[in-house]
Amino acid sequence: MRSAFSGFPPEAMQFFRGLARNNNRGWFLPRKEIFEQKVKQPMRELVEVVNAGMKSYAPQHVTEPDKAIYRFYRDTRFSKDKTPYKDRIAATFPRRGMSRHEGASYYFAVSNKEVAIGGGVYMPMPETLQAIRQRIAEHPAEFRRLISAKAAQKLYGAMQGEQLSRIPKGFASDHPAADRGCPEFS
């Protein structure tokens, strides 16, 4: 069976290269139809293909394409970067019934420079973050074993990300998870 997604056409990558040089409304508006047909429509098709694949291993994450795809327009109100458009098109697949920040999601993004694929929890709500930290605090050895497994290292690479400068409120400074071995905790 052939996939409905045949790839992003060359015009999509040309669009992103042009946008990198001219990220402004005057450049974008005459090219909005190119964006809709050559960037957004192929992204919808790709989301459909990803959804079809996820039905077998993560059916609770299957998401309607127009809900999965992030808006292309940036919210510049509180940002130092005032460029109005994102430099990639991206989609996320949260668990059904949850918002993007309530639990773990799958994610991918496409631009002329890269294809990014990820999964996990991004900017969790305080209660979700507390639940994650509590789970790690209760099972630090299990967490260390999971993130240091050779299969995980080969597939995902080394654990990356920011770390807090001190132990989270409510946890003892000498807690077994309070070291460099549990980056999500500390």
C-alpha atoms as a PDB file:
ATOM      1  CA  MET A   1       0.000   0.000   0.000  1.00  0.00           C
ATOM      2  CA  ARG A   2       1.424   3.394  -1.007  1.00  0.00           C
ATOM      3  CA  SER A   3       1.628   6.208   1.463  1.00  0.00           C
ATOM      4  CA  ALA A   4      -0.279   9.429   0.791  1.00  0.00           C
ATOM      5  CA  PHE A   5       2.908  11.287   1.763  1.00  0.00           C
ATOM      6  CA  SER A   6       5.379  11.544  -1.089  1.00  0.00           C
ATOM      7  CA  GLY A   7       7.738  13.925   0.688  1.00  0.00           C
ATOM      8  CA  PHE A   8       8.163  17.662   0.867  1.00  0.00           C
ATOM      9  CA  PRO A   9       8.631  19.164  -2.594  1.00  0.00           C
ATOM     10  CA  PRO A  10      11.704  21.294  -3.411  1.00  0.00           C
ATOM     11  CA  GLU A  11       9.482  24.394  -3.165  1.00  0.00           C
ATOM     12  CA  ALA A  12       9.026  23.736   0.558  1.00  0.00           C
ATOM     13  CA  MET A  13      12.749  23.915   1.231  1.00  0.00           C
ATOM     14  CA  GLN A  14      13.054  26.956  -1.045  1.00  0.00           C
ATOM     15  CA  PHE A  15      10.276  28.566   0.975  1.00  0.00           C
ATOM     16  CA  PHE A  16      12.170  28.008   4.249  1.00  0.00           C
ATOM     17  CA  ARG A  17      15.458  29.305   2.781  1.00  0.00           C
ATOM     18  CA  GLY A  18      13.668  32.444   1.578  1.00  0.00           C
ATOM     19  CA  LEU A  19      11.931  32.856   4.924  1.00  0.00           C
ATOM     20  CA  ALA A  20      15.287  32.684   6.718  1.00  0.00           C
ATOM     21  CA  ARG A  21      16.415  35.737   4.735  1.00  0.00           C
ATOM     22  CA  ASN A  22      13.060  37.575   4.800  1.00  0.00           C
ATOM     23  CA  ASN A  23      11.106  36.698   7.919  1.00  0.00           C
ATOM     24  CA  ASN A  24       8.547  39.469   7.571  1.00  0.00           C
ATOM     25  CA  ARG A  25       4.933  39.898   6.574  1.00  0.00           C
ATOM     26  CA  GLY A  26       5.752  41.683   3.303  1.00  0.00           C
ATOM     27  CA  TRP A  27       7.687  38.662   2.066  1.00  0.00           C
ATOM     28  CA  PHE A  28       5.335  35.999   3.455  1.00  0.00           C
ATOM     29  CA  LEU A  29       1.930  37.238   2.274  1.00  0.00           C
ATOM     30  CA  PRO A  30       2.610  36.877  -1.479  1.00  0.00           C
ATOM     31  CA  ARG A  31       3.963  33.376  -0.733  1.00  0.00           C
ATOM     32  CA  LYS A  32       1.218  32.238   1.644  1.00  0.00           C
ATOM     33  CA  GLU A  33      -0.277  29.953  -1.032  1.00  0.00           C
ATOM     34  CA  ILE A  34       3.125  28.287  -1.511  1.00  0.00           C
ATOM     35  CA  PHE A  35       3.255  27.727   2.248  1.00  0.00           C
ATOM     36  CA  GLU A  36      -0.267  26.243   2.285  1.00  0.00           C
ATOM     37  CA  GLN A  37       0.266  23.917  -0.712  1.00  0.00           C
ATOM     38  CA  LYS A  38       3.952  22.993  -0.526  1.00  0.00           C
ATOM     39  CA  VAL A  39       4.634  23.057   3.217  1.00  0.00           C
ATOM     40  CA  LYS A  40       1.440  22.672   5.239  1.00  0.00           C
ATOM     41  CA  GLN A  41      -0.399  20.187   2.995  1.00  0.00           C
ATOM     42  CA  PRO A  42       2.553  17.764   2.834  1.00  0.00           C
ATOM     43  CA  MET A  43       2.853  18.128   6.623  1.00  0.00           C
ATOM     44  CA  ARG A  44      -0.811  17.098   6.991  1.00  0.00           C
ATOM     45  CA  GLU A  45      -0.094  14.059   4.830  1.00  0.00           C
ATOM     46  CA  LEU A  46       2.975  13.197   6.910  1.00  0.00           C
ATOM     47  CA  VAL A  47       0.955  13.479  10.124  1.00  0.00           C
ATOM     48  CA  GLU A  48      -1.616  11.056   8.639  1.00  0.00           C
ATOM     49  CA  VAL A  49       1.147   8.549   7.871  1.00  0.00           C
ATOM     50  CA  VAL A  50       2.626   8.920  11.362  1.00  0.00           C
ATOM     51  CA  ASN A  51      -0.851   8.476  12.854  1.00  0.00           C
ATOM     52  CA  ALA A  52      -1.353   5.267  10.854  1.00  0.00           C
ATOM     53  CA  GLY A  53       1.925   3.916  12.224  1.00  0.00           C
ATOM     54  CA  MET A  54       1.168   4.943  15.805  1.00  0.00           C
ATOM     55  CA  LYS A  55      -2.143   3.067  15.805  1.00  0.00           C
ATOM     56  CA  SER A  56      -0.222  -0.126  16.531  1.00  0.00           C
ATOM     57  CA  TYR A  57       1.992   1.101  19.398  1.00  0.00           C
ATOM     58  CA  ALA A  58       0.521   4.380  20.702  1.00  0.00           C
ATOM     59  CA  PRO A  59      -3.132   4.623  19.635  1.00  0.00           C
ATOM     60  CA  GLN A  60      -3.871   7.070  22.453  1.00  0.00           C
ATOM     61  CA  HIS A  61      -1.501   9.575  20.774  1.00  0.00           C
ATOM     62  CA  VAL A  62      -3.122   9.584  17.322  1.00  0.00           C
ATOM     63  CA  THR A  63      -4.020  13.236  16.663  1.00  0.00           C
ATOM     64  CA  GLU A  64      -6.018  14.947  13.936  1.00  0.00           C
ATOM     65  CA  PRO A  65      -3.525  16.651  11.578  1.00  0.00           C
ATOM     66  CA  ASP A  66      -4.815  20.194  12.021  1.00  0.00           C
ATOM     67  CA  LYS A  67      -4.624  19.789  15.807  1.00  0.00           C
ATOM     68  CA  ALA A  68      -1.204  18.129  15.697  1.00  0.00           C
ATOM     69  CA  ILE A  69       0.450  20.799  13.552  1.00  0.00           C
ATOM     70  CA  TYR A  70       1.693  23.833  15.455  1.00  0.00           C
ATOM     71  CA  ARG A  71       0.658  27.279  14.303  1.00  0.00           C
ATOM     72  CA  PHE A  72       3.227  28.792  12.000  1.00  0.00           C
ATOM     73  CA  TYR A  73       2.807  32.307  13.323  1.00  0.00           C
ATOM     74  CA  ARG A  74       4.993  33.158  16.313  1.00  0.00           C
ATOM     75  CA  ASP A  75       3.652  34.875  19.409  1.00  0.00           C
ATOM     76  CA  THR A  76       6.073  37.787  19.648  1.00  0.00           C
ATOM     77  CA  ARG A  77       4.414  39.655  22.509  1.00  0.00           C
ATOM     78  CA  PHE A  78       6.897  38.531  25.185  1.00  0.00           C
ATOM     79  CA  SER A  79       9.812  37.533  22.981  1.00  0.00           C
ATOM     80  CA  LYS A  80      13.004  39.421  22.166  1.00  0.00           C
ATOM     81  CA  ASP A  81      12.837  37.813  18.709  1.00  0.00           C
ATOM     82  CA  LYS A  82      10.126  39.719  16.837  1.00  0.00           C
ATOM     83  CA  THR A  83      10.235  37.685  13.619  1.00  0.00           C
ATOM     84  CA  PRO A  84       6.600  36.820  12.866  1.00  0.00           C
ATOM     85  CA  TYR A  85       7.025  33.279  11.474  1.00  0.00           C
ATOM     86  CA  LYS A  86       8.622  30.090  12.755  1.00  0.00           C
ATOM     87  CA  ASP A  87      11.555  28.696  10.786  1.00  0.00           C
ATOM     88  CA  ARG A  88      10.098  25.162  10.741  1.00  0.00           C
ATOM     89  CA  ILE A  89       6.809  23.352  10.592  1.00  0.00           C
ATOM     90  CA  ALA A  90       6.184  21.045  13.526  1.00  0.00           C
ATOM     91  CA  ALA A  91       3.638  18.625  14.918  1.00  0.00           C
ATOM     92  CA  THR A  92       3.021  17.118  18.317  1.00  0.00           C
ATOM     93  CA  PHE A  93       1.009  14.112  19.386  1.00  0.00           C
ATOM     94  CA  PRO A  94      -0.171  14.445  22.992  1.00  0.00           C
ATOM     95  CA  ARG A  95      -2.055  11.678  24.747  1.00  0.00           C
ATOM     96  CA  ARG A  96      -5.768  11.805  23.920  1.00  0.00           C
ATOM     97  CA  GLY A  97      -7.658  13.976  26.378  1.00  0.00           C
ATOM     98  CA  MET A  98      -4.548  15.860  27.497  1.00  0.00           C
ATOM     99  CA  SER A  99      -3.119  19.185  26.416  1.00  0.00           C
ATOM    100  CA  ARG A 100       0.413  19.501  25.035  1.00  0.00           C
ATOM    101  CA  HIS A 101       1.777  20.350  28.495  1.00  0.00           C
ATOM    102  CA  GLU A 102      -0.053  17.800  30.619  1.00  0.00           C
ATOM    103  CA  GLY A 103       1.894  14.666  29.778  1.00  0.00           C
ATOM    104  CA  ALA A 104       4.336  13.027  27.432  1.00  0.00           C
ATOM    105  CA  SER A 105       4.013  13.628  23.708  1.00  0.00           C
ATOM    106  CA  TYR A 106       5.695  12.699  20.470  1.00  0.00           C
ATOM    107  CA  TYR A 107       7.049  15.551  18.331  1.00  0.00           C
ATOM    108  CA  PHE A 108       8.703  16.200  15.005  1.00  0.00           C
ATOM    109  CA  ALA A 109       9.692  19.272  13.030  1.00  0.00           C
ATOM    110  CA  VAL A 110      10.860  19.862   9.462  1.00  0.00           C
ATOM    111  CA  SER A 111      12.864  22.757   8.038  1.00  0.00           C
ATOM    112  CA  ASN A 112      15.390  23.280   5.282  1.00  0.00           C
ATOM    113  CA  LYS A 113      18.158  22.648   7.834  1.00  0.00           C
ATOM    114  CA  GLU A 114      16.974  19.591   9.747  1.00  0.00           C
ATOM    115  CA  VAL A 115      14.384  17.063  10.685  1.00  0.00           C
ATOM    116  CA  ALA A 116      13.962  16.927  14.454  1.00  0.00           C
ATOM    117  CA  ILE A 117      12.235  14.042  16.209  1.00  0.00           C
ATOM    118  CA  GLY A 118      11.567  13.820  19.898  1.00  0.00           C
ATOM    119  CA  GLY A 119       9.353  12.674  22.655  1.00  0.00           C
ATOM    120  CA  GLY A 120       8.823  13.346  26.289  1.00  0.00           C
ATOM    121  CA  VAL A 121       7.405  16.051  28.493  1.00  0.00           C
ATOM    122  CA  TYR A 122       7.927  19.686  27.502  1.00  0.00           C
ATOM    123  CA  MET A 123       7.146  22.565  29.850  1.00  0.00           C
ATOM    124  CA  PRO A 124       4.965  20.450  32.139  1.00  0.00           C
ATOM    125  CA  MET A 125       2.353  21.935  34.404  1.00  0.00           C
ATOM    126  CA  PRO A 126       3.572  22.178  38.038  1.00  0.00           C
ATOM    127  CA  GLU A 127       1.576  19.148  39.183  1.00  0.00           C
ATOM    128  CA  THR A 128       2.923  17.041  36.301  1.00  0.00           C
ATOM    129  CA  LEU A 129       6.493  18.123  37.020  1.00  0.00           C
ATOM    130  CA  GLN A 130       6.012  17.255  40.690  1.00  0.00           C
ATOM    131  CA  ALA A 131       4.688  13.786  39.768  1.00  0.00           C
ATOM    132  CA  ILE A 132       7.711  13.157  37.508  1.00  0.00           C
ATOM    133  CA  ARG A 133      10.140  14.250  40.207  1.00  0.00           C
ATOM    134  CA  GLN A 134       8.340  12.135  42.807  1.00  0.00           C
ATOM    135  CA  ARG A 135       8.551   9.028  40.591  1.00  0.00           C
ATOM    136  CA  ILE A 136      12.283   9.575  40.024  1.00  0.00           C
ATOM    137  CA  ALA A 137      12.820  10.219  43.749  1.00  0.00           C
ATOM    138  CA  GLU A 138      11.087   6.935  44.597  1.00  0.00           C
ATOM    139  CA  HIS A 139      13.038   4.927  41.989  1.00  0.00           C
ATOM    140  CA  PRO A 140      16.392   6.650  41.277  1.00  0.00           C
ATOM    141  CA  ALA A 141      18.272   3.412  40.514  1.00  0.00           C
ATOM    142  CA  GLU A 142      15.627   2.332  37.997  1.00  0.00           C
ATOM    143  CA  PHE A 143      15.768   5.746  36.319  1.00  0.00           C
ATOM    144  CA  ARG A 144      19.577   5.684  36.126  1.00  0.00           C
ATOM    145  CA  ARG A 145      19.460   2.172  34.673  1.00  0.00           C
ATOM    146  CA  LEU A 146      16.957   3.233  31.997  1.00  0.00           C
ATOM    147  CA  ILE A 147      18.834   6.329  30.821  1.00  0.00           C
ATOM    148  CA  SER A 148      22.242   4.638  30.879  1.00  0.00           C
ATOM    149  CA  ALA A 149      21.183   1.464  29.035  1.00  0.00           C
ATOM    150  CA  LYS A 150      23.321   0.890  25.944  1.00  0.00           C
ATOM    151  CA  ALA A 151      20.224   0.487  23.745  1.00  0.00           C
ATOM    152  CA  ALA A 152      18.829   3.822  24.940  1.00  0.00           C
ATOM    153  CA  GLN A 153      22.206   5.547  24.521  1.00  0.00           C
ATOM    154  CA  LYS A 154      22.567   4.148  21.000  1.00  0.00           C
ATOM    155  CA  LEU A 155      19.048   5.144  19.992  1.00  0.00           C
ATOM    156  CA  TYR A 156      18.793   8.539  21.722  1.00  0.00           C
ATOM    157  CA  GLY A 157      22.340   9.564  22.590  1.00  0.00           C
ATOM    158  CA  ALA A 158      23.375  10.917  25.961  1.00  0.00           C
ATOM    159  CA  MET A 159      20.845  12.624  28.211  1.00  0.00           C
ATOM    160  CA  GLN A 160      20.739  16.328  27.436  1.00  0.00           C
ATOM    161  CA  GLY A 161      19.087  19.375  28.886  1.00  0.00           C
ATOM    162  CA  GLU A 162      19.279  21.947  31.583  1.00  0.00           C
ATOM    163  CA  GLN A 163      19.698  21.167  35.253  1.00  0.00           C
ATOM    164  CA  LEU A 164      18.561  23.043  38.311  1.00  0.00           C
ATOM    165  CA  SER A 165      21.252  24.679  40.425  1.00  0.00           C
ATOM    166  CA  ARG A 166      19.676  23.300  43.606  1.00  0.00           C
ATOM    167  CA  ILE A 167      17.429  20.443  44.693  1.00  0.00           C
ATOM    168  CA  PRO A 168      13.702  21.083  44.115  1.00  0.00           C
ATOM    169  CA  LYS A 169      11.641  22.308  47.034  1.00  0.00           C
ATOM    170  CA  GLY A 170      10.374  19.477  49.201  1.00  0.00           C
ATOM    171  CA  PHE A 171      13.288  17.099  48.544  1.00  0.00           C
ATOM    172  CA  ALA A 172      16.256  16.563  50.873  1.00  0.00           C
ATOM    173  CA  SER A 173      19.629  17.778  49.604  1.00  0.00           C
ATOM    174  CA  ASP A 174      21.133  14.370  50.417  1.00  0.00           C
ATOM    175  CA  HIS A 175      18.419  12.421  48.586  1.00  0.00           C
ATOM    176  CA  PRO A 176      19.836   9.505  46.503  1.00  0.00           C
ATOM    177  CA  ALA A 177      18.455  11.086  43.305  1.00  0.00           C
ATOM    178  CA  ALA A 178      20.067  14.449  44.081  1.00  0.00           C
ATOM    179  CA  ASP A 179      23.176  14.003  41.973  1.00  0.00           C
ATOM    180  CA  ARG A 180      24.254  14.231  38.350  1.00  0.00           C
ATOM    181  CA  GLY A 181      22.884  10.712  37.723  1.00  0.00           C
ATOM    182  CA  CYS A 182      19.264  11.907  37.723  1.00  0.00           C
ATOM    183  CA  PRO A 183      19.215  15.093  35.645  1.00  0.00           C
ATOM    184  CA  GLU A 184      15.438  15.342  35.536  1.00  0.00           C
ATOM    185  CA  PHE A 185      15.322  15.363  39.315  1.00  0.00           C
ATOM    186  CA  SER A 186      18.056  17.910  39.809  1.00  0.00           C
END
